[in-house]
N, C-alpha and C. Protein backbone atom coordinates (compact mmCIF):
# COMPACT_ATOMS: atom_id res chain seq x y z
N UNK A 1 176.34 -101.38 -53.38
CA UNK A 1 175.14 -100.79 -53.09
C UNK A 1 175.64 -99.31 -52.87
N UNK A 2 176.74 -98.97 -52.28
CA UNK A 2 177.24 -97.50 -51.92
C UNK A 2 177.50 -97.04 -53.57
N UNK A 3 178.38 -97.63 -54.25
CA UNK A 3 178.71 -96.88 -55.42
C UNK A 3 177.25 -96.40 -56.30
N UNK A 4 176.37 -97.38 -56.39
CA UNK A 4 175.03 -97.22 -56.76
C UNK A 4 174.25 -95.85 -56.11
N UNK A 5 174.42 -95.35 -54.90
CA UNK A 5 173.94 -94.68 -54.40
C UNK A 5 174.51 -93.58 -54.76
N UNK A 6 176.04 -93.54 -54.92
CA UNK A 6 176.51 -91.98 -55.45
C UNK A 6 176.38 -91.88 -56.71
N UNK A 7 176.34 -92.88 -57.80
CA UNK A 7 175.72 -92.45 -58.84
C UNK A 7 174.37 -91.80 -59.01
N UNK A 8 173.70 -92.46 -58.32
CA UNK A 8 172.17 -91.94 -58.57
C UNK A 8 171.82 -90.22 -57.81
N UNK A 9 172.97 -90.27 -56.92
CA UNK A 9 172.99 -88.89 -56.44
C UNK A 9 173.59 -87.72 -57.22
N UNK A 10 174.32 -88.51 -58.20
CA UNK A 10 175.22 -87.41 -59.07
C UNK A 10 173.96 -87.25 -60.64
N UNK A 11 173.61 -88.19 -60.68
CA UNK A 11 172.58 -88.13 -61.50
C UNK A 11 171.83 -87.06 -61.46
N UNK A 12 170.99 -87.57 -60.13
CA UNK A 12 170.02 -86.47 -59.79
C UNK A 12 170.86 -85.00 -59.86
N UNK A 13 171.83 -84.99 -59.27
CA UNK A 13 172.56 -83.20 -59.06
C UNK A 13 172.67 -82.89 -60.59
N UNK A 14 173.09 -83.84 -61.53
CA UNK A 14 173.09 -82.85 -62.78
C UNK A 14 172.02 -83.07 -63.62
N UNK A 15 171.25 -83.67 -63.39
CA UNK A 15 169.52 -83.15 -63.78
C UNK A 15 168.81 -82.30 -63.48
N UNK A 16 169.16 -81.87 -62.17
CA UNK A 16 168.81 -80.55 -61.44
C UNK A 16 169.46 -79.28 -62.10
N UNK A 17 170.51 -79.70 -62.70
CA UNK A 17 171.03 -78.45 -63.34
C UNK A 17 171.14 -78.30 -64.76
N UNK A 18 169.75 -79.02 -65.41
CA UNK A 18 169.42 -79.15 -66.71
C UNK A 18 169.35 -77.58 -67.18
N UNK A 19 169.05 -77.26 -68.21
CA UNK A 19 168.77 -75.98 -68.84
C UNK A 19 167.16 -75.86 -69.27
N UNK A 20 166.67 -74.82 -68.16
CA UNK A 20 165.04 -75.16 -68.77
C UNK A 20 164.52 -73.98 -69.62
N UNK A 21 163.93 -74.69 -70.24
CA UNK A 21 162.97 -73.48 -71.22
C UNK A 21 163.25 -71.70 -70.77
N UNK A 22 162.63 -71.90 -69.43
CA UNK A 22 163.14 -70.17 -68.93
C UNK A 22 163.98 -69.89 -68.98
N UNK A 23 165.20 -70.28 -68.90
CA UNK A 23 166.43 -69.73 -68.36
C UNK A 23 166.99 -69.49 -70.45
N UNK A 24 166.24 -70.07 -71.12
CA UNK A 24 166.79 -69.78 -72.56
C UNK A 24 165.96 -68.27 -72.93
N UNK A 25 164.91 -67.91 -72.52
CA UNK A 25 164.16 -66.90 -72.38
C UNK A 25 165.15 -65.17 -72.65
N UNK A 26 164.80 -64.46 -73.38
CA UNK A 26 165.49 -63.02 -73.23
C UNK A 26 164.61 -62.45 -71.94
N UNK A 27 165.91 -61.85 -71.14
CA UNK A 27 165.41 -61.33 -69.92
C UNK A 27 165.15 -59.58 -70.52
N UNK A 28 166.26 -59.14 -71.02
CA UNK A 28 166.34 -58.04 -71.41
C UNK A 28 167.28 -57.92 -73.05
N UNK A 29 166.64 -56.98 -73.44
CA UNK A 29 167.58 -56.43 -74.73
C UNK A 29 167.16 -55.39 -75.31
N UNK A 30 168.03 -54.50 -75.43
CA UNK A 30 167.90 -52.99 -75.66
C UNK A 30 169.16 -52.76 -76.63
N UNK A 31 168.33 -52.05 -77.83
CA UNK A 31 169.45 -51.42 -78.93
C UNK A 31 169.80 -49.93 -78.58
N UNK A 32 170.87 -49.19 -78.69
CA UNK A 32 171.25 -48.21 -78.23
C UNK A 32 171.89 -47.69 -79.62
N UNK A 33 171.21 -46.54 -80.50
CA UNK A 33 171.09 -45.50 -81.58
C UNK A 33 171.70 -44.27 -81.17
N UNK A 34 172.75 -43.81 -81.64
CA UNK A 34 172.70 -42.21 -81.59
C UNK A 34 171.78 -41.44 -82.04
N UNK A 35 171.26 -40.41 -81.46
CA UNK A 35 170.22 -39.73 -81.70
C UNK A 35 170.49 -38.78 -82.88
N UNK A 36 169.55 -38.45 -83.72
CA UNK A 36 169.92 -37.71 -84.72
C UNK A 36 168.31 -36.99 -84.91
N UNK A 37 168.41 -35.35 -84.35
CA UNK A 37 167.37 -34.43 -84.29
C UNK A 37 166.85 -34.36 -85.61
N UNK A 38 167.30 -34.56 -87.19
CA UNK A 38 166.59 -33.97 -88.59
C UNK A 38 166.68 -34.99 -89.03
N UNK A 39 165.62 -36.16 -89.36
CA UNK A 39 165.55 -36.37 -90.24
C UNK A 39 165.71 -36.67 -91.80
N UNK A 40 166.14 -37.67 -92.54
CA UNK A 40 166.71 -37.69 -93.77
C UNK A 40 165.94 -36.60 -94.89
N UNK A 41 164.43 -36.65 -94.90
CA UNK A 41 163.56 -36.00 -95.60
C UNK A 41 163.95 -34.52 -95.37
N UNK A 42 163.96 -34.06 -94.12
CA UNK A 42 164.02 -32.95 -93.66
C UNK A 42 164.99 -32.27 -94.17
N UNK A 43 166.37 -33.16 -94.00
CA UNK A 43 167.63 -32.75 -94.40
C UNK A 43 167.68 -32.27 -95.89
N UNK A 44 167.13 -32.75 -97.01
CA UNK A 44 166.73 -32.53 -98.14
C UNK A 44 166.20 -31.64 -98.21
N UNK A 45 165.16 -31.23 -97.24
CA UNK A 45 164.53 -30.38 -97.36
C UNK A 45 165.26 -28.84 -97.32
N UNK A 46 166.16 -28.91 -95.95
CA UNK A 46 166.85 -27.83 -95.30
C UNK A 46 168.34 -27.62 -96.53
N UNK A 47 168.78 -28.91 -97.13
CA UNK A 47 169.57 -28.27 -98.50
C UNK A 47 169.15 -27.68 -99.64
N UNK A 48 168.02 -28.22 -99.85
CA UNK A 48 167.23 -27.44 -101.19
C UNK A 48 167.20 -26.19 -100.82
N UNK A 49 166.53 -25.69 -99.46
CA UNK A 49 166.03 -24.28 -99.06
C UNK A 49 167.44 -23.64 -99.08
N UNK A 50 168.54 -24.28 -98.81
CA UNK A 50 170.16 -23.42 -98.68
C UNK A 50 170.49 -23.33 -99.68
N UNK A 51 170.16 -24.05 -100.51
CA UNK A 51 170.68 -23.92 -102.10
C UNK A 51 169.95 -23.06 -102.82
N UNK A 52 168.84 -22.92 -102.65
CA UNK A 52 168.04 -21.66 -103.37
C UNK A 52 168.17 -20.24 -102.58
N UNK A 53 168.33 -20.46 -101.70
CA UNK A 53 168.84 -18.89 -100.90
C UNK A 53 170.26 -18.38 -101.21
N UNK A 54 170.87 -19.56 -101.59
CA UNK A 54 172.67 -19.19 -101.60
C UNK A 54 172.29 -18.75 -103.45
N UNK A 55 171.56 -19.35 -104.03
CA UNK A 55 171.37 -19.16 -105.45
C UNK A 55 170.99 -17.62 -105.46
N UNK A 56 169.58 -16.86 -105.16
CA UNK A 56 169.07 -16.08 -105.27
C UNK A 56 170.18 -15.16 -104.30
N UNK A 57 170.67 -15.23 -103.47
CA UNK A 57 171.65 -14.13 -103.31
C UNK A 57 172.80 -13.82 -104.10
N UNK A 58 173.31 -15.00 -104.50
CA UNK A 58 174.19 -15.25 -105.12
C UNK A 58 174.02 -14.10 -106.64
N UNK A 59 172.95 -14.16 -107.43
CA UNK A 59 172.47 -13.65 -108.25
C UNK A 59 172.45 -12.33 -108.19
N UNK A 60 171.89 -11.89 -106.72
CA UNK A 60 171.92 -10.39 -106.55
C UNK A 60 173.50 -10.22 -106.38
N UNK A 61 174.53 -10.61 -106.01
CA UNK A 61 175.78 -10.19 -106.05
C UNK A 61 176.34 -9.98 -107.33
N UNK A 62 176.02 -10.95 -108.43
CA UNK A 62 176.82 -10.95 -109.51
C UNK A 62 175.88 -9.78 -110.43
N UNK A 63 174.74 -9.47 -110.25
CA UNK A 63 174.13 -8.22 -111.00
C UNK A 63 174.96 -7.03 -110.21
N UNK A 64 175.63 -6.98 -109.26
CA UNK A 64 176.10 -5.43 -108.70
C UNK A 64 177.64 -5.64 -109.23
N UNK A 65 177.76 -6.82 -109.56
CA UNK A 65 179.16 -7.18 -110.21
C UNK A 65 180.49 -7.77 -109.03
N UNK A 66 179.80 -8.53 -108.41
CA UNK A 66 180.65 -9.17 -107.32
C UNK A 66 180.41 -10.28 -107.54
N UNK A 67 180.78 -10.71 -108.43
CA UNK A 67 180.24 -12.52 -109.03
C UNK A 67 181.49 -13.82 -108.19
N UNK A 68 182.29 -13.28 -107.89
CA UNK A 68 183.40 -14.07 -106.95
C UNK A 68 182.74 -14.90 -105.69
N UNK A 69 181.56 -14.04 -105.39
CA UNK A 69 181.16 -13.94 -103.98
C UNK A 69 180.22 -15.43 -104.27
N UNK A 70 179.79 -15.71 -105.21
CA UNK A 70 178.83 -16.76 -105.59
C UNK A 70 179.70 -18.17 -104.97
N UNK A 71 180.79 -18.17 -105.49
CA UNK A 71 181.29 -19.68 -105.20
C UNK A 71 181.53 -19.34 -103.86
N UNK A 72 181.43 -18.76 -102.87
CA UNK A 72 181.85 -19.12 -101.35
C UNK A 72 180.07 -19.55 -101.20
N UNK A 73 179.20 -18.92 -102.08
CA UNK A 73 177.66 -19.29 -101.04
C UNK A 73 177.79 -21.07 -101.89
N UNK A 74 178.21 -21.25 -102.68
CA UNK A 74 178.20 -22.50 -102.85
C UNK A 74 178.85 -23.23 -101.90
N UNK A 75 180.11 -22.99 -101.81
CA UNK A 75 181.29 -23.81 -101.01
C UNK A 75 180.09 -23.76 -99.42
N UNK A 76 179.73 -23.23 -98.97
CA UNK A 76 178.71 -23.08 -97.53
C UNK A 76 177.78 -24.32 -97.95
N UNK A 77 176.82 -24.01 -98.76
CA UNK A 77 176.21 -25.16 -99.14
C UNK A 77 176.86 -26.82 -98.99
N UNK A 78 177.92 -26.63 -99.96
CA UNK A 78 178.56 -27.67 -99.92
C UNK A 78 179.24 -28.44 -98.22
N UNK A 79 179.86 -27.60 -97.72
CA UNK A 79 180.11 -27.65 -96.04
C UNK A 79 178.78 -28.37 -95.54
N UNK A 80 178.11 -27.71 -95.37
CA UNK A 80 176.75 -28.12 -94.53
C UNK A 80 176.12 -29.35 -94.86
N UNK A 81 176.19 -29.66 -96.26
CA UNK A 81 175.83 -31.20 -96.79
C UNK A 81 177.09 -31.98 -96.51
N UNK A 82 178.31 -31.60 -96.55
CA UNK A 82 178.98 -32.87 -96.14
C UNK A 82 179.11 -33.05 -94.55
N UNK A 83 178.82 -32.16 -93.73
CA UNK A 83 178.66 -32.27 -92.39
C UNK A 83 177.27 -32.89 -92.01
N UNK A 84 176.40 -32.65 -92.49
CA UNK A 84 175.29 -33.36 -92.30
C UNK A 84 175.32 -35.18 -92.89
N UNK A 85 176.17 -35.43 -93.68
CA UNK A 85 176.81 -36.65 -94.63
C UNK A 85 177.46 -37.43 -93.47
N UNK A 86 178.34 -36.77 -92.94
CA UNK A 86 179.18 -37.24 -91.62
C UNK A 86 178.45 -37.60 -90.63
N UNK A 87 177.57 -36.62 -90.08
CA UNK A 87 176.52 -36.91 -89.06
C UNK A 87 175.79 -38.13 -89.28
N UNK A 88 175.40 -38.26 -90.23
CA UNK A 88 174.60 -39.60 -90.59
C UNK A 88 175.24 -40.78 -90.74
N UNK A 89 176.29 -40.32 -90.93
CA UNK A 89 177.34 -41.96 -91.22
C UNK A 89 177.51 -42.53 -89.58
N UNK A 90 178.05 -41.57 -88.95
CA UNK A 90 177.98 -41.77 -87.69
C UNK A 90 177.03 -42.50 -86.82
N UNK A 91 175.96 -42.11 -87.46
CA UNK A 91 174.60 -42.95 -86.93
C UNK A 91 174.21 -44.23 -87.40
N UNK A 92 175.11 -44.81 -87.77
CA UNK A 92 175.34 -46.35 -88.42
C UNK A 92 175.48 -47.02 -86.99
N UNK A 93 176.20 -46.66 -86.23
CA UNK A 93 177.26 -47.47 -85.25
C UNK A 93 175.52 -47.55 -84.02
N UNK A 94 175.86 -48.71 -83.23
CA UNK A 94 174.73 -49.08 -82.50
C UNK A 94 175.43 -50.55 -81.37
N UNK A 95 174.73 -50.44 -80.30
CA UNK A 95 175.02 -51.58 -79.44
C UNK A 95 173.83 -51.66 -79.04
N UNK A 96 173.93 -53.38 -78.91
CA UNK A 96 172.79 -54.06 -78.76
C UNK A 96 173.03 -55.11 -77.25
N UNK A 97 172.50 -54.45 -75.92
CA UNK A 97 172.84 -55.24 -74.79
C UNK A 97 171.82 -56.25 -74.54
N UNK A 98 172.13 -57.73 -74.50
CA UNK A 98 171.28 -58.63 -74.34
C UNK A 98 171.43 -59.61 -72.94
N UNK A 99 170.56 -59.91 -72.33
CA UNK A 99 170.68 -61.10 -70.94
C UNK A 99 169.61 -62.05 -71.32
N UNK A 100 170.38 -62.98 -71.85
CA UNK A 100 169.74 -64.16 -72.54
C UNK A 100 170.16 -65.36 -72.22
N UNK A 101 169.34 -66.52 -71.49
CA UNK A 101 170.00 -67.71 -70.99
C UNK A 101 170.76 -67.57 -69.79
N UNK A 102 171.97 -68.06 -69.91
CA UNK A 102 172.91 -67.30 -68.61
C UNK A 102 174.57 -66.71 -69.45
N UNK A 103 174.10 -65.85 -70.47
CA UNK A 103 175.26 -64.98 -71.18
C UNK A 103 174.24 -63.53 -71.23
N UNK A 104 175.27 -62.44 -70.45
CA UNK A 104 175.15 -61.40 -70.64
C UNK A 104 175.74 -60.69 -71.80
N UNK A 105 175.19 -60.07 -72.64
CA UNK A 105 176.24 -59.57 -73.78
C UNK A 105 176.31 -58.72 -74.55
N UNK A 106 176.79 -57.86 -75.15
CA UNK A 106 177.18 -56.17 -75.45
C UNK A 106 177.39 -56.54 -76.92
N UNK A 107 177.13 -56.23 -77.49
CA UNK A 107 177.56 -56.27 -79.39
C UNK A 107 177.23 -54.78 -79.80
N UNK A 108 178.67 -54.45 -80.31
CA UNK A 108 178.81 -53.14 -80.68
C UNK A 108 179.04 -53.29 -82.43
N UNK A 109 178.76 -52.37 -83.16
CA UNK A 109 178.54 -52.10 -84.52
C UNK A 109 179.32 -50.91 -84.47
N UNK A 110 180.58 -50.67 -85.38
CA UNK A 110 180.85 -49.20 -85.32
C UNK A 110 180.32 -48.80 -86.73
N UNK A 111 181.03 -47.59 -86.73
CA UNK A 111 180.51 -46.64 -88.15
C UNK A 111 180.79 -47.65 -89.11
N UNK A 112 182.03 -48.28 -89.40
CA UNK A 112 182.58 -48.73 -90.74
C UNK A 112 182.13 -50.40 -90.56
N UNK A 113 180.67 -50.52 -89.93
CA UNK A 113 180.03 -51.96 -90.15
C UNK A 113 180.85 -52.71 -89.40
N UNK A 114 181.88 -52.63 -88.47
CA UNK A 114 182.62 -53.78 -87.69
C UNK A 114 181.93 -54.11 -86.61
N UNK A 115 181.66 -55.47 -86.41
CA UNK A 115 181.10 -56.13 -85.25
C UNK A 115 182.15 -56.62 -84.33
N UNK A 116 181.72 -56.42 -82.95
CA UNK A 116 182.42 -56.65 -81.76
C UNK A 116 181.52 -57.63 -80.58
N UNK A 117 182.08 -58.53 -80.18
CA UNK A 117 181.03 -58.83 -79.28
C UNK A 117 181.63 -59.36 -77.88
N UNK A 118 181.24 -58.69 -76.73
CA UNK A 118 181.76 -59.09 -74.99
C UNK A 118 180.13 -60.04 -74.83
N UNK A 119 181.05 -61.00 -73.89
CA UNK A 119 180.02 -61.91 -73.37
C UNK A 119 180.65 -61.90 -71.63
N UNK A 120 179.46 -61.79 -70.89
CA UNK A 120 179.69 -62.03 -69.44
C UNK A 120 178.82 -62.75 -69.07
N UNK A 121 179.48 -63.62 -67.87
CA UNK A 121 178.64 -64.29 -66.82
C UNK A 121 177.66 -63.32 -66.07
N UNK A 122 176.40 -63.24 -66.19
CA UNK A 122 175.51 -62.79 -65.54
C UNK A 122 175.76 -62.61 -64.04
N UNK A 123 175.81 -63.81 -63.26
CA UNK A 123 176.11 -63.77 -61.69
C UNK A 123 177.03 -62.34 -61.47
N UNK A 124 178.35 -62.60 -62.17
CA UNK A 124 179.24 -61.81 -61.63
C UNK A 124 179.26 -60.34 -62.11
N UNK A 125 178.45 -59.99 -63.08
CA UNK A 125 178.14 -58.33 -63.64
C UNK A 125 177.90 -57.44 -62.73
N UNK A 126 178.44 -56.36 -62.81
CA UNK A 126 178.25 -55.15 -61.73
C UNK A 126 177.99 -54.00 -62.77
N UNK A 127 177.13 -53.10 -62.68
CA UNK A 127 176.66 -52.15 -63.23
C UNK A 127 177.41 -50.83 -62.44
N UNK A 128 178.14 -50.19 -63.28
CA UNK A 128 178.95 -49.25 -62.21
C UNK A 128 178.46 -47.58 -63.44
N UNK A 129 177.90 -46.92 -62.48
CA UNK A 129 177.46 -45.46 -62.94
C UNK A 129 178.50 -44.34 -62.41
N UNK A 130 179.15 -44.05 -63.14
CA UNK A 130 180.39 -43.05 -62.74
C UNK A 130 179.60 -41.83 -63.11
N UNK A 131 178.99 -40.88 -62.24
CA UNK A 131 178.79 -39.62 -61.98
C UNK A 131 179.85 -38.59 -62.25
N UNK A 132 180.15 -37.76 -63.12
CA UNK A 132 181.14 -36.64 -63.14
C UNK A 132 180.66 -35.41 -62.23
N UNK A 133 181.74 -34.66 -62.36
CA UNK A 133 181.58 -33.31 -61.09
C UNK A 133 180.50 -32.44 -62.36
N UNK A 134 180.26 -32.43 -63.56
CA UNK A 134 179.39 -31.96 -64.56
C UNK A 134 178.31 -32.68 -64.59
N UNK A 135 177.42 -32.47 -65.60
CA UNK A 135 176.46 -33.17 -65.34
C UNK A 135 176.17 -34.51 -66.31
N UNK A 136 177.65 -34.95 -66.87
CA UNK A 136 177.63 -36.24 -67.31
C UNK A 136 178.13 -37.38 -66.40
N UNK A 137 178.31 -38.35 -67.13
CA UNK A 137 178.32 -39.69 -66.65
C UNK A 137 178.79 -40.58 -67.58
N UNK A 138 179.34 -41.76 -67.11
CA UNK A 138 179.81 -43.04 -67.98
C UNK A 138 179.05 -44.38 -67.31
N UNK A 139 178.53 -45.06 -68.12
CA UNK A 139 178.24 -46.49 -67.68
C UNK A 139 179.05 -47.27 -68.11
N UNK A 140 179.15 -48.38 -67.13
CA UNK A 140 180.37 -49.33 -67.30
C UNK A 140 180.02 -50.79 -66.58
N UNK A 141 179.75 -51.73 -67.13
CA UNK A 141 179.83 -52.95 -67.03
C UNK A 141 181.09 -53.56 -66.69
N UNK A 142 181.04 -54.50 -65.55
CA UNK A 142 182.41 -55.12 -64.89
C UNK A 142 181.93 -55.97 -64.80
N UNK A 143 182.91 -57.04 -64.55
CA UNK A 143 183.10 -58.52 -64.45
C UNK A 143 184.93 -59.27 -64.69
N UNK A 144 184.98 -59.67 -63.28
CA UNK A 144 186.17 -60.56 -63.37
C UNK A 144 187.36 -59.72 -63.94
N UNK A 145 187.36 -58.71 -63.41
CA UNK A 145 188.56 -57.64 -63.87
C UNK A 145 188.42 -56.77 -64.98
N UNK A 146 187.57 -57.18 -65.71
CA UNK A 146 187.25 -56.30 -67.44
C UNK A 146 186.09 -55.36 -67.01
N UNK A 147 185.98 -54.66 -67.63
CA UNK A 147 184.99 -53.23 -67.88
C UNK A 147 184.84 -53.14 -69.10
N UNK A 148 183.77 -52.75 -69.43
CA UNK A 148 183.21 -52.08 -71.14
C UNK A 148 182.53 -50.90 -70.30
N UNK A 149 183.34 -49.86 -71.35
CA UNK A 149 182.01 -48.58 -71.28
C UNK A 149 180.69 -49.29 -72.46
N UNK A 150 179.39 -48.33 -71.90
CA UNK A 150 178.38 -48.74 -72.87
C UNK A 150 177.88 -47.51 -72.99
N UNK A 151 177.46 -47.26 -73.99
CA UNK A 151 176.29 -45.98 -74.76
C UNK A 151 176.96 -44.70 -74.57
N UNK A 152 178.04 -44.67 -74.88
CA UNK A 152 179.10 -43.65 -74.83
C UNK A 152 178.28 -42.80 -76.06
N UNK A 153 177.57 -42.93 -76.92
CA UNK A 153 177.10 -41.91 -77.36
C UNK A 153 175.44 -41.36 -77.45
N UNK A 154 174.95 -41.54 -76.16
CA UNK A 154 173.53 -41.41 -75.86
C UNK A 154 173.93 -40.54 -74.72
N UNK A 155 172.67 -39.97 -74.34
CA UNK A 155 172.63 -38.77 -73.68
C UNK A 155 172.87 -39.16 -72.09
N UNK A 156 173.24 -38.19 -71.14
CA UNK A 156 173.48 -38.98 -70.08
C UNK A 156 172.55 -39.40 -69.05
N UNK A 157 171.57 -38.94 -69.29
CA UNK A 157 169.85 -39.25 -68.71
C UNK A 157 169.78 -40.69 -69.12
N UNK A 158 169.44 -40.84 -70.42
CA UNK A 158 169.61 -42.40 -70.96
C UNK A 158 170.41 -42.96 -70.38
N UNK A 159 171.69 -42.83 -69.96
CA UNK A 159 172.44 -43.63 -69.16
C UNK A 159 172.09 -44.12 -67.90
N UNK A 160 171.40 -43.26 -67.42
CA UNK A 160 171.07 -43.07 -66.05
C UNK A 160 170.10 -44.45 -66.04
N UNK A 161 169.05 -44.07 -66.85
CA UNK A 161 167.96 -45.01 -66.90
C UNK A 161 168.25 -46.34 -67.44
N UNK A 162 169.46 -46.43 -68.50
CA UNK A 162 169.64 -47.64 -68.84
C UNK A 162 170.64 -48.73 -67.49
N UNK A 163 171.07 -47.87 -66.45
CA UNK A 163 172.01 -48.47 -65.66
C UNK A 163 170.89 -49.30 -64.71
N UNK A 164 169.35 -48.30 -64.59
CA UNK A 164 168.74 -48.69 -63.42
C UNK A 164 167.91 -49.66 -64.27
N UNK A 165 167.82 -50.00 -65.43
CA UNK A 165 166.95 -51.34 -65.90
C UNK A 165 167.80 -52.31 -66.30
N UNK A 166 169.05 -52.17 -66.61
CA UNK A 166 170.05 -53.14 -66.62
C UNK A 166 169.89 -53.94 -65.30
N UNK A 167 170.24 -53.19 -64.13
CA UNK A 167 170.43 -53.76 -62.67
C UNK A 167 168.79 -54.21 -62.41
N UNK A 168 167.46 -53.80 -62.59
CA UNK A 168 166.40 -54.62 -62.47
C UNK A 168 166.68 -55.79 -63.21
N UNK A 169 167.10 -55.88 -65.13
CA UNK A 169 167.11 -56.95 -65.34
C UNK A 169 167.72 -58.13 -64.84
N UNK A 170 169.01 -57.76 -64.00
CA UNK A 170 169.95 -58.88 -63.43
C UNK A 170 169.53 -59.10 -62.23
N UNK A 171 168.86 -58.67 -61.44
CA UNK A 171 168.04 -58.92 -60.21
C UNK A 171 166.62 -59.68 -60.62
N UNK A 172 165.90 -59.52 -61.92
CA UNK A 172 165.11 -60.43 -61.94
C UNK A 172 165.50 -61.90 -62.25
N UNK A 173 166.65 -61.35 -63.17
CA UNK A 173 167.23 -63.23 -63.98
C UNK A 173 167.75 -63.82 -62.43
N UNK A 174 168.42 -63.20 -61.69
CA UNK A 174 168.85 -64.21 -60.63
C UNK A 174 167.75 -64.63 -59.59
N UNK A 175 166.61 -63.52 -59.58
CA UNK A 175 165.62 -64.08 -58.77
C UNK A 175 165.16 -65.43 -59.10
N UNK A 176 164.80 -65.08 -60.74
CA UNK A 176 164.17 -66.61 -61.40
C UNK A 176 164.94 -67.71 -61.49
N UNK A 177 166.26 -67.46 -61.56
CA UNK A 177 167.20 -69.03 -61.26
C UNK A 177 166.83 -69.09 -59.73
N UNK A 178 167.00 -68.29 -58.56
CA UNK A 178 166.56 -68.94 -57.50
C UNK A 178 165.00 -69.86 -57.15
N UNK A 179 164.04 -69.20 -57.67
CA UNK A 179 163.14 -69.62 -57.64
C UNK A 179 162.90 -71.02 -58.45
N UNK A 180 163.89 -71.24 -59.74
CA UNK A 180 163.48 -72.32 -60.23
C UNK A 180 164.12 -73.28 -59.80
N UNK A 181 165.34 -73.29 -58.74
CA UNK A 181 166.14 -74.33 -58.23
C UNK A 181 165.17 -74.98 -57.37
N UNK A 182 165.39 -76.42 -57.73
CA UNK A 182 164.64 -77.52 -56.96
C UNK A 182 165.02 -77.29 -55.68
N UNK A 183 164.06 -77.70 -54.64
CA UNK A 183 164.20 -77.86 -53.27
C UNK A 183 165.37 -79.21 -53.12
N UNK A 184 166.31 -79.28 -52.35
CA UNK A 184 167.43 -80.01 -52.00
C UNK A 184 166.87 -80.89 -51.12
N UNK A 185 166.52 -82.28 -51.09
CA UNK A 185 166.04 -83.09 -50.09
C UNK A 185 167.40 -84.04 -49.54
N UNK A 186 167.74 -83.97 -48.27
CA UNK A 186 168.68 -84.95 -47.54
C UNK A 186 168.67 -86.49 -48.07
N UNK A 187 169.59 -86.50 -48.95
CA UNK A 187 169.77 -88.14 -49.18
C UNK A 187 170.17 -88.81 -48.28
């Protein structure tokens, strides 16, 4: 009889630990992308305008006999084009921060398209915002002796807002688990 009672208690304990649909929902998800102030259409317009200006000024230099200067005007436009192309290439990187189920994850996509995924147990995640002496800061996720810097390519104000948002999401997630836990009766 005592063995049957112990088995019944174990079943009750394990059945109360079952995953509920509420635990599977996404509590928080944020995709971080680098800021680009010039859209691609405006980039093409800018390069076209620079090319036309360089062509016009270059024709003026050729007419007065200084034809080697035209090559430098073309080189200037080519370097501006190359700088913007490299900037748009670096815009391919992203970070996805997600709190879903019982996993806090950070997925980072590099400029080359390589993906890395870090997973943390949300109960132990700490959000650390290190303020620097100047106006910059650094946002870290820490758990079990591991730290991960996130949002290095976004503005300091966005990192501050992100730290507060992640802390609020973790608190909301922890509170939802505490409220979903069934009341244990003494058997």
